Amino acid sequence: MSSRSSSVSPTLSSSLSSSLSSPVPPSGDPSLSRFPVPASLDELPDDIRDSILAVQDKAGFIPNVFLMLAHRPAEFRAFFAYHDALMERESDTLTKAEKEMIVVATSARNRCLYCVVAHGALVRLYSKDPLLADRVAINHHSADLSERHRVMLDAAIHCGIDVGELTEEWMTRLEAVGFTQDDIWDIGAICAFFGLSNRLVTLTGTPPNPEFYLMGRVPRESNP
């Protein structure tokens, strides 16, 4: 869900970090969205404001997709409820890194810069591999992947991008590399959900936060 032009102030998440009533770009400002964004966190429903502050506390900034969706409270709640139910639940064998690899591979084919950059950061963090996300985004067939991951991403592209049917042959191939039926549901559901996410972010023109680009690439400086 490109860096902004030099005429645009630093990321909205940074400006909001200092104060709940900090200003945001005017409605329709293409630096964040083609559509309205909240004038401040103070004007949001309590549960949405709390969700945004919680992710800021965890990440150190507010991902732009949260602010893009905030002016549609019902959709914000539905979007992140399904996201969390799908991406944060413990699957049978599908790991968090594998889930994020699916997001990156399918989002790249949908030409969604936000999701490739943001979820590429999560691939790097979960896998501890600073190169994996870029390789998956460009061409997973040329990446040094296990057979499990190659079949997983082949199936994701087949179902999510080629709109192919999940046949018994595909089920057999996925099960042969260790995925359960529950895992296979998750693979398909991730493709479906992030197809929605890709298209929403493309609709709004929301850019990834600059912070995402370096996450998992550069070691964090340790405090003395």
C-alpha atoms as a PDB file:
ATOM      1  CA  MET A   1       0.000   0.000   0.000  1.00  0.00           C
ATOM      2  CA  SER A   2       8.135   6.711  -4.850  1.00  0.00           C
ATOM      3  CA  SER A   3       9.399   9.184  -2.637  1.00  0.00           C
ATOM      4  CA  ARG A   4       7.578  12.472  -2.648  1.00  0.00           C
ATOM      5  CA  SER A   5       8.656  15.538  -4.558  1.00  0.00           C
ATOM      6  CA  SER A   6      10.945  18.008  -2.861  1.00  0.00           C
ATOM      7  CA  SER A   7       8.107  20.525  -2.621  1.00  0.00           C
ATOM      8  CA  VAL A   8       6.148  18.250  -0.299  1.00  0.00           C
ATOM      9  CA  SER A   9       6.761  18.339   3.442  1.00  0.00           C
ATOM     10  CA  PRO A  10       8.107  15.204   5.218  1.00  0.00           C
ATOM     11  CA  THR A  11       5.815  12.244   5.546  1.00  0.00           C
ATOM     12  CA  LEU A  12       2.449  12.755   7.133  1.00  0.00           C
ATOM     13  CA  SER A  13       3.269  10.107   9.690  1.00  0.00           C
ATOM     14  CA  SER A  14       6.215  12.200  10.869  1.00  0.00           C
ATOM     15  CA  SER A  15       4.121  15.353  11.186  1.00  0.00           C
ATOM     16  CA  LEU A  16       1.456  13.514  13.132  1.00  0.00           C
ATOM     17  CA  SER A  17       3.990  11.974  15.475  1.00  0.00           C
ATOM     18  CA  SER A  18       4.491  15.264  17.261  1.00  0.00           C
ATOM     19  CA  SER A  19       0.864  16.115  17.986  1.00  0.00           C
ATOM     20  CA  LEU A  20      -2.587  14.663  17.572  1.00  0.00           C
ATOM     21  CA  SER A  21      -3.765  17.950  16.143  1.00  0.00           C
ATOM     22  CA  SER A  22      -0.934  18.379  13.640  1.00  0.00           C
ATOM     23  CA  PRO A  23      -2.146  19.450  10.182  1.00  0.00           C
ATOM     24  CA  VAL A  24      -2.275  17.049   7.272  1.00  0.00           C
ATOM     25  CA  PRO A  25      -2.125  17.768   3.536  1.00  0.00           C
ATOM     26  CA  PRO A  26      -5.320  19.351   2.181  1.00  0.00           C
ATOM     27  CA  SER A  27      -8.059  17.167   0.756  1.00  0.00           C
ATOM     28  CA  GLY A  28      -7.023  15.635  -2.530  1.00  0.00           C
ATOM     29  CA  ASP A  29      -3.293  16.377  -2.017  1.00  0.00           C
ATOM     30  CA  PRO A  30      -1.613  13.834  -4.309  1.00  0.00           C
ATOM     31  CA  SER A  31       1.267  13.441  -1.848  1.00  0.00           C
ATOM     32  CA  LEU A  32      -0.968  11.087   0.146  1.00  0.00           C
ATOM     33  CA  SER A  33      -4.239  10.491  -1.676  1.00  0.00           C
ATOM     34  CA  ARG A  34      -6.393  11.794  -4.479  1.00  0.00           C
ATOM     35  CA  PHE A  35      -9.226  11.708  -1.950  1.00  0.00           C
ATOM     36  CA  PRO A  36      -9.781  13.455   1.404  1.00  0.00           C
ATOM     37  CA  VAL A  37      -7.599  12.674   4.389  1.00  0.00           C
ATOM     38  CA  PRO A  38      -8.351  13.615   8.010  1.00  0.00           C
ATOM     39  CA  ALA A  39      -7.334  17.116   9.069  1.00  0.00           C
ATOM     40  CA  SER A  40      -5.992  15.638  12.320  1.00  0.00           C
ATOM     41  CA  LEU A  41      -6.185  12.442  14.319  1.00  0.00           C
ATOM     42  CA  ASP A  42      -8.445  14.263  16.771  1.00  0.00           C
ATOM     43  CA  GLU A  43     -11.328  14.225  14.312  1.00  0.00           C
ATOM     44  CA  LEU A  44     -11.306  10.439  13.906  1.00  0.00           C
ATOM     45  CA  PRO A  45     -13.491   7.949  15.810  1.00  0.00           C
ATOM     46  CA  ASP A  46     -11.780   6.763  18.964  1.00  0.00           C
ATOM     47  CA  ASP A  47     -11.205   3.186  17.779  1.00  0.00           C
ATOM     48  CA  ILE A  48      -9.604   4.304  14.509  1.00  0.00           C
ATOM     49  CA  ARG A  49      -7.409   6.859  16.232  1.00  0.00           C
ATOM     50  CA  ASP A  50      -6.329   4.200  18.743  1.00  0.00           C
ATOM     51  CA  SER A  51      -5.478   1.791  15.901  1.00  0.00           C
ATOM     52  CA  ILE A  52      -3.366   4.418  14.166  1.00  0.00           C
ATOM     53  CA  LEU A  53      -1.545   5.364  17.364  1.00  0.00           C
ATOM     54  CA  ALA A  54      -0.885   1.693  18.128  1.00  0.00           C
ATOM     55  CA  VAL A  55       0.769   1.098  14.766  1.00  0.00           C
ATOM     56  CA  GLN A  56       2.762   4.312  15.180  1.00  0.00           C
ATOM     57  CA  ASP A  57       4.010   3.116  18.564  1.00  0.00           C
ATOM     58  CA  LYS A  58       5.076  -0.206  17.047  1.00  0.00           C
ATOM     59  CA  ALA A  59       6.587   1.005  13.769  1.00  0.00           C
ATOM     60  CA  GLY A  60       7.751   4.487  14.734  1.00  0.00           C
ATOM     61  CA  PHE A  61       5.662   6.079  11.977  1.00  0.00           C
ATOM     62  CA  ILE A  62       2.149   5.888  10.550  1.00  0.00           C
ATOM     63  CA  PRO A  63       1.881   3.886   7.322  1.00  0.00           C
ATOM     64  CA  ASN A  64       0.156   6.053   4.740  1.00  0.00           C
ATOM     65  CA  VAL A  65      -2.500   3.451   3.985  1.00  0.00           C
ATOM     66  CA  PHE A  66      -3.970   3.970   7.467  1.00  0.00           C
ATOM     67  CA  LEU A  67      -4.436   7.667   6.806  1.00  0.00           C
ATOM     68  CA  MET A  68      -5.715   7.070   3.278  1.00  0.00           C
ATOM     69  CA  LEU A  69      -8.511   4.844   4.594  1.00  0.00           C
ATOM     70  CA  ALA A  70      -9.275   6.869   7.724  1.00  0.00           C
ATOM     71  CA  HIS A  71     -11.907   9.082   6.101  1.00  0.00           C
ATOM     72  CA  ARG A  72     -14.000   5.942   5.393  1.00  0.00           C
ATOM     73  CA  PRO A  73     -14.350   4.548   8.935  1.00  0.00           C
ATOM     74  CA  ALA A  74     -16.505   1.509   8.110  1.00  0.00           C
ATOM     75  CA  GLU A  75     -14.145   0.455   5.332  1.00  0.00           C
ATOM     76  CA  PHE A  76     -11.092   1.120   7.537  1.00  0.00           C
ATOM     77  CA  ARG A  77     -12.497  -1.233  10.182  1.00  0.00           C
ATOM     78  CA  ALA A  78     -13.451  -3.946   7.680  1.00  0.00           C
ATOM     79  CA  PHE A  79     -10.140  -3.734   5.815  1.00  0.00           C
ATOM     80  CA  PHE A  80      -7.899  -4.028   8.839  1.00  0.00           C
ATOM     81  CA  ALA A  81     -10.110  -6.600  10.577  1.00  0.00           C
ATOM     82  CA  TYR A  82      -9.756  -8.939   7.603  1.00  0.00           C
ATOM     83  CA  HIS A  83      -6.072  -8.090   7.202  1.00  0.00           C
ATOM     84  CA  ASP A  84      -5.369  -8.994  10.821  1.00  0.00           C
ATOM     85  CA  ALA A  85      -7.521 -12.131  10.730  1.00  0.00           C
ATOM     86  CA  LEU A  86      -5.607 -13.348   7.697  1.00  0.00           C
ATOM     87  CA  MET A  87      -2.062 -12.102   8.167  1.00  0.00           C
ATOM     88  CA  GLU A  88      -1.664 -12.248  11.936  1.00  0.00           C
ATOM     89  CA  ARG A  89      -3.314 -15.587  12.650  1.00  0.00           C
ATOM     90  CA  GLU A  90      -1.068 -18.611  13.004  1.00  0.00           C
ATOM     91  CA  SER A  91      -1.439 -20.863   9.973  1.00  0.00           C
ATOM     92  CA  ASP A  92      -0.739 -24.594   9.982  1.00  0.00           C
ATOM     93  CA  THR A  93       2.665 -24.269   8.294  1.00  0.00           C
ATOM     94  CA  LEU A  94       2.566 -20.984   6.348  1.00  0.00           C
ATOM     95  CA  THR A  95       4.980 -18.568   8.013  1.00  0.00           C
ATOM     96  CA  LYS A  96       4.727 -14.786   8.236  1.00  0.00           C
ATOM     97  CA  ALA A  97       7.641 -14.453   5.836  1.00  0.00           C
ATOM     98  CA  GLU A  98       5.886 -16.733   3.326  1.00  0.00           C
ATOM     99  CA  LYS A  99       2.665 -14.736   3.595  1.00  0.00           C
ATOM    100  CA  GLU A 100       4.551 -11.537   2.864  1.00  0.00           C
ATOM    101  CA  MET A 101       6.367 -13.166  -0.070  1.00  0.00           C
ATOM    102  CA  ILE A 102       2.958 -13.881  -1.616  1.00  0.00           C
ATOM    103  CA  VAL A 103       1.956 -10.246  -1.153  1.00  0.00           C
ATOM    104  CA  VAL A 104       5.150  -8.993  -2.806  1.00  0.00           C
ATOM    105  CA  ALA A 105       5.019 -11.383  -5.765  1.00  0.00           C
ATOM    106  CA  THR A 106       1.374 -10.682  -6.621  1.00  0.00           C
ATOM    107  CA  SER A 107       1.568  -6.944  -5.884  1.00  0.00           C
ATOM    108  CA  ALA A 108       4.519  -6.603  -8.246  1.00  0.00           C
ATOM    109  CA  ARG A 109       2.464  -8.139 -11.057  1.00  0.00           C
ATOM    110  CA  ASN A 110      -0.340  -5.701 -10.206  1.00  0.00           C
ATOM    111  CA  ARG A 111       2.217  -2.854 -10.362  1.00  0.00           C
ATOM    112  CA  CYS A 112       1.376  -1.709  -6.848  1.00  0.00           C
ATOM    113  CA  LEU A 113       4.380   0.240  -5.606  1.00  0.00           C
ATOM    114  CA  TYR A 114       2.978   0.729  -2.098  1.00  0.00           C
ATOM    115  CA  CYS A 115       2.463  -2.955  -1.374  1.00  0.00           C
ATOM    116  CA  VAL A 116       5.727  -4.068  -2.976  1.00  0.00           C
ATOM    117  CA  VAL A 117       7.714  -1.574  -0.903  1.00  0.00           C
ATOM    118  CA  ALA A 118       5.804  -1.909   2.389  1.00  0.00           C
ATOM    119  CA  HIS A 119       5.492  -5.681   2.339  1.00  0.00           C
ATOM    120  CA  GLY A 120       8.953  -6.083   0.881  1.00  0.00           C
ATOM    121  CA  ALA A 121      10.150  -4.508   4.119  1.00  0.00           C
ATOM    122  CA  LEU A 122       8.245  -7.158   6.077  1.00  0.00           C
ATOM    123  CA  VAL A 123       9.729  -9.954   3.947  1.00  0.00           C
ATOM    124  CA  ARG A 124      13.190  -8.686   4.832  1.00  0.00           C
ATOM    125  CA  LEU A 125      12.362  -8.400   8.530  1.00  0.00           C
ATOM    126  CA  TYR A 126      10.696 -11.801   8.854  1.00  0.00           C
ATOM    127  CA  SER A 127      13.115 -13.725   6.634  1.00  0.00           C
ATOM    128  CA  LYS A 128      16.274 -11.931   7.832  1.00  0.00           C
ATOM    129  CA  ASP A 129      17.273 -11.853   4.158  1.00  0.00           C
ATOM    130  CA  PRO A 130      17.862  -8.324   2.789  1.00  0.00           C
ATOM    131  CA  LEU A 131      17.778  -9.527  -0.853  1.00  0.00           C
ATOM    132  CA  LEU A 132      14.789 -11.856  -0.912  1.00  0.00           C
ATOM    133  CA  ALA A 133      11.979  -9.325  -1.409  1.00  0.00           C
ATOM    134  CA  ASP A 134      13.580  -7.712  -4.458  1.00  0.00           C
ATOM    135  CA  ARG A 135      14.193 -11.078  -6.084  1.00  0.00           C
ATOM    136  CA  VAL A 136      10.630 -12.223  -5.458  1.00  0.00           C
ATOM    137  CA  ALA A 137       9.213  -8.959  -6.792  1.00  0.00           C
ATOM    138  CA  ILE A 138      11.154  -9.067 -10.060  1.00  0.00           C
ATOM    139  CA  ASN A 139      11.059 -12.763 -10.948  1.00  0.00           C
ATOM    140  CA  HIS A 140      10.719 -15.497  -8.368  1.00  0.00           C
ATOM    141  CA  HIS A 141      11.785 -18.090 -10.956  1.00  0.00           C
ATOM    142  CA  SER A 142      15.271 -16.581 -11.052  1.00  0.00           C
ATOM    143  CA  ALA A 143      15.499 -16.312  -7.258  1.00  0.00           C
ATOM    144  CA  ASP A 144      17.286 -18.893  -5.131  1.00  0.00           C
ATOM    145  CA  LEU A 145      14.126 -20.364  -3.611  1.00  0.00           C
ATOM    146  CA  SER A 146      13.186 -23.732  -2.185  1.00  0.00           C
ATOM    147  CA  GLU A 147      10.785 -25.929  -4.135  1.00  0.00           C
ATOM    148  CA  ARG A 148       8.150 -25.146  -1.483  1.00  0.00           C
ATOM    149  CA  HIS A 149       8.436 -21.419  -2.102  1.00  0.00           C
ATOM    150  CA  ARG A 150       8.568 -21.779  -5.869  1.00  0.00           C
ATOM    151  CA  VAL A 151       5.354 -23.828  -5.923  1.00  0.00           C
ATOM    152  CA  MET A 152       3.706 -21.463  -3.420  1.00  0.00           C
ATOM    153  CA  LEU A 153       4.426 -18.405  -5.562  1.00  0.00           C
ATOM    154  CA  ASP A 154       3.521 -20.197  -8.786  1.00  0.00           C
ATOM    155  CA  ALA A 155       0.147 -21.012  -7.247  1.00  0.00           C
ATOM    156  CA  ALA A 156      -0.285 -17.448  -5.989  1.00  0.00           C
ATOM    157  CA  ILE A 157       0.387 -16.002  -9.440  1.00  0.00           C
ATOM    158  CA  HIS A 158      -1.913 -18.590 -11.028  1.00  0.00           C
ATOM    159  CA  CYS A 159      -4.822 -17.826  -8.692  1.00  0.00           C
ATOM    160  CA  GLY A 160      -4.266 -14.141  -7.988  1.00  0.00           C
ATOM    161  CA  ILE A 161      -2.971 -12.787 -11.278  1.00  0.00           C
ATOM    162  CA  ASP A 162      -3.849 -15.279 -14.019  1.00  0.00           C
ATOM    163  CA  VAL A 163      -7.274 -15.819 -12.404  1.00  0.00           C
ATOM    164  CA  GLY A 164      -6.737 -19.520 -12.712  1.00  0.00           C
ATOM    165  CA  GLU A 165      -8.820 -22.207 -11.063  1.00  0.00           C
ATOM    166  CA  LEU A 166      -7.532 -24.022  -8.013  1.00  0.00           C
ATOM    167  CA  THR A 167      -7.665 -27.499  -9.521  1.00  0.00           C
ATOM    168  CA  GLU A 168      -6.954 -30.850  -7.927  1.00  0.00           C
ATOM    169  CA  GLU A 169      -3.593 -30.756  -9.701  1.00  0.00           C
ATOM    170  CA  TRP A 170      -2.699 -27.523  -7.912  1.00  0.00           C
ATOM    171  CA  MET A 171      -3.911 -28.909  -4.594  1.00  0.00           C
ATOM    172  CA  THR A 172      -1.715 -31.968  -5.104  1.00  0.00           C
ATOM    173  CA  ARG A 173       1.320 -29.842  -5.986  1.00  0.00           C
ATOM    174  CA  LEU A 174       0.882 -27.646  -2.912  1.00  0.00           C
ATOM    175  CA  GLU A 175       0.267 -30.562  -0.579  1.00  0.00           C
ATOM    176  CA  ALA A 176       3.360 -32.315  -1.971  1.00  0.00           C
ATOM    177  CA  VAL A 177       5.591 -29.499  -0.677  1.00  0.00           C
ATOM    178  CA  GLY A 178       4.009 -29.482   2.770  1.00  0.00           C
ATOM    179  CA  PHE A 179       1.024 -27.155   2.641  1.00  0.00           C
ATOM    180  CA  THR A 180      -2.208 -28.180   4.318  1.00  0.00           C
ATOM    181  CA  GLN A 181      -5.700 -27.362   3.057  1.00  0.00           C
ATOM    182  CA  ASP A 182      -5.841 -24.568   5.618  1.00  0.00           C
ATOM    183  CA  ASP A 183      -2.564 -23.163   4.283  1.00  0.00           C
ATOM    184  CA  ILE A 184      -3.890 -23.330   0.732  1.00  0.00           C
ATOM    185  CA  TRP A 185      -6.962 -21.339   1.780  1.00  0.00           C
ATOM    186  CA  ASP A 186      -4.611 -18.737   3.263  1.00  0.00           C
ATOM    187  CA  ILE A 187      -2.546 -18.547   0.071  1.00  0.00           C
ATOM    188  CA  GLY A 188      -5.666 -17.918  -2.010  1.00  0.00           C
ATOM    189  CA  ALA A 189      -7.170 -15.492   0.502  1.00  0.00           C
ATOM    190  CA  ILE A 190      -3.962 -13.438   0.636  1.00  0.00           C
ATOM    191  CA  CYS A 191      -4.007 -13.147  -3.162  1.00  0.00           C
ATOM    192  CA  ALA A 192      -7.651 -12.060  -3.074  1.00  0.00           C
ATOM    193  CA  PHE A 193      -7.306  -9.568  -0.236  1.00  0.00           C
ATOM    194  CA  PHE A 194      -4.184  -7.906  -1.575  1.00  0.00           C
ATOM    195  CA  GLY A 195      -5.711  -7.718  -5.031  1.00  0.00           C
ATOM    196  CA  LEU A 196      -8.225  -5.419  -3.330  1.00  0.00           C
ATOM    197  CA  SER A 197      -5.452  -3.577  -1.496  1.00  0.00           C
ATOM    198  CA  ASN A 198      -3.397  -3.122  -4.688  1.00  0.00           C
ATOM    199  CA  ARG A 199      -6.322  -1.604  -6.499  1.00  0.00           C
ATOM    200  CA  LEU A 200      -7.334   0.687  -3.642  1.00  0.00           C
ATOM    201  CA  VAL A 201      -3.824   2.105  -3.371  1.00  0.00           C
ATOM    202  CA  THR A 202      -3.637   2.519  -7.142  1.00  0.00           C
ATOM    203  CA  LEU A 203      -7.025   4.261  -7.073  1.00  0.00           C
ATOM    204  CA  THR A 204      -5.888   6.730  -4.426  1.00  0.00           C
ATOM    205  CA  GLY A 205      -2.312   7.193  -5.647  1.00  0.00           C
ATOM    206  CA  THR A 206      -1.002   6.631  -2.112  1.00  0.00           C
ATOM    207  CA  PRO A 207       2.819   6.348  -1.970  1.00  0.00           C
ATOM    208  CA  PRO A 208       4.768   4.128   0.415  1.00  0.00           C
ATOM    209  CA  ASN A 209       6.359   5.858   3.383  1.00  0.00           C
ATOM    210  CA  PRO A 210      10.074   6.515   2.826  1.00  0.00           C
ATOM    211  CA  GLU A 211      10.811   4.557   6.028  1.00  0.00           C
ATOM    212  CA  PHE A 212       9.769   1.309   4.345  1.00  0.00           C
ATOM    213  CA  TYR A 213      12.543   1.453   1.750  1.00  0.00           C
ATOM    214  CA  LEU A 214      15.386   0.886   4.214  1.00  0.00           C
ATOM    215  CA  MET A 215      13.662  -1.420   6.701  1.00  0.00           C
ATOM    216  CA  GLY A 216      15.503  -4.732   6.887  1.00  0.00           C
ATOM    217  CA  ARG A 217      18.300  -3.508   4.607  1.00  0.00           C
ATOM    218  CA  VAL A 218      20.343  -1.445   7.020  1.00  0.00           C
ATOM    219  CA  PRO A 219      21.050  -2.747  10.534  1.00  0.00           C
ATOM    220  CA  ARG A 220      19.548  -0.623  13.271  1.00  0.00           C
ATOM    221  CA  GLU A 221      22.035   1.376  15.283  1.00  0.00           C
ATOM    222  CA  SER A 222      22.275   0.033  18.802  1.00  0.00           C
ATOM    223  CA  ASN A 223      21.957   2.443  21.667  1.00  0.00           C
ATOM    224  CA  PRO A 224      25.202   2.934  23.631  1.00  0.00           C
END
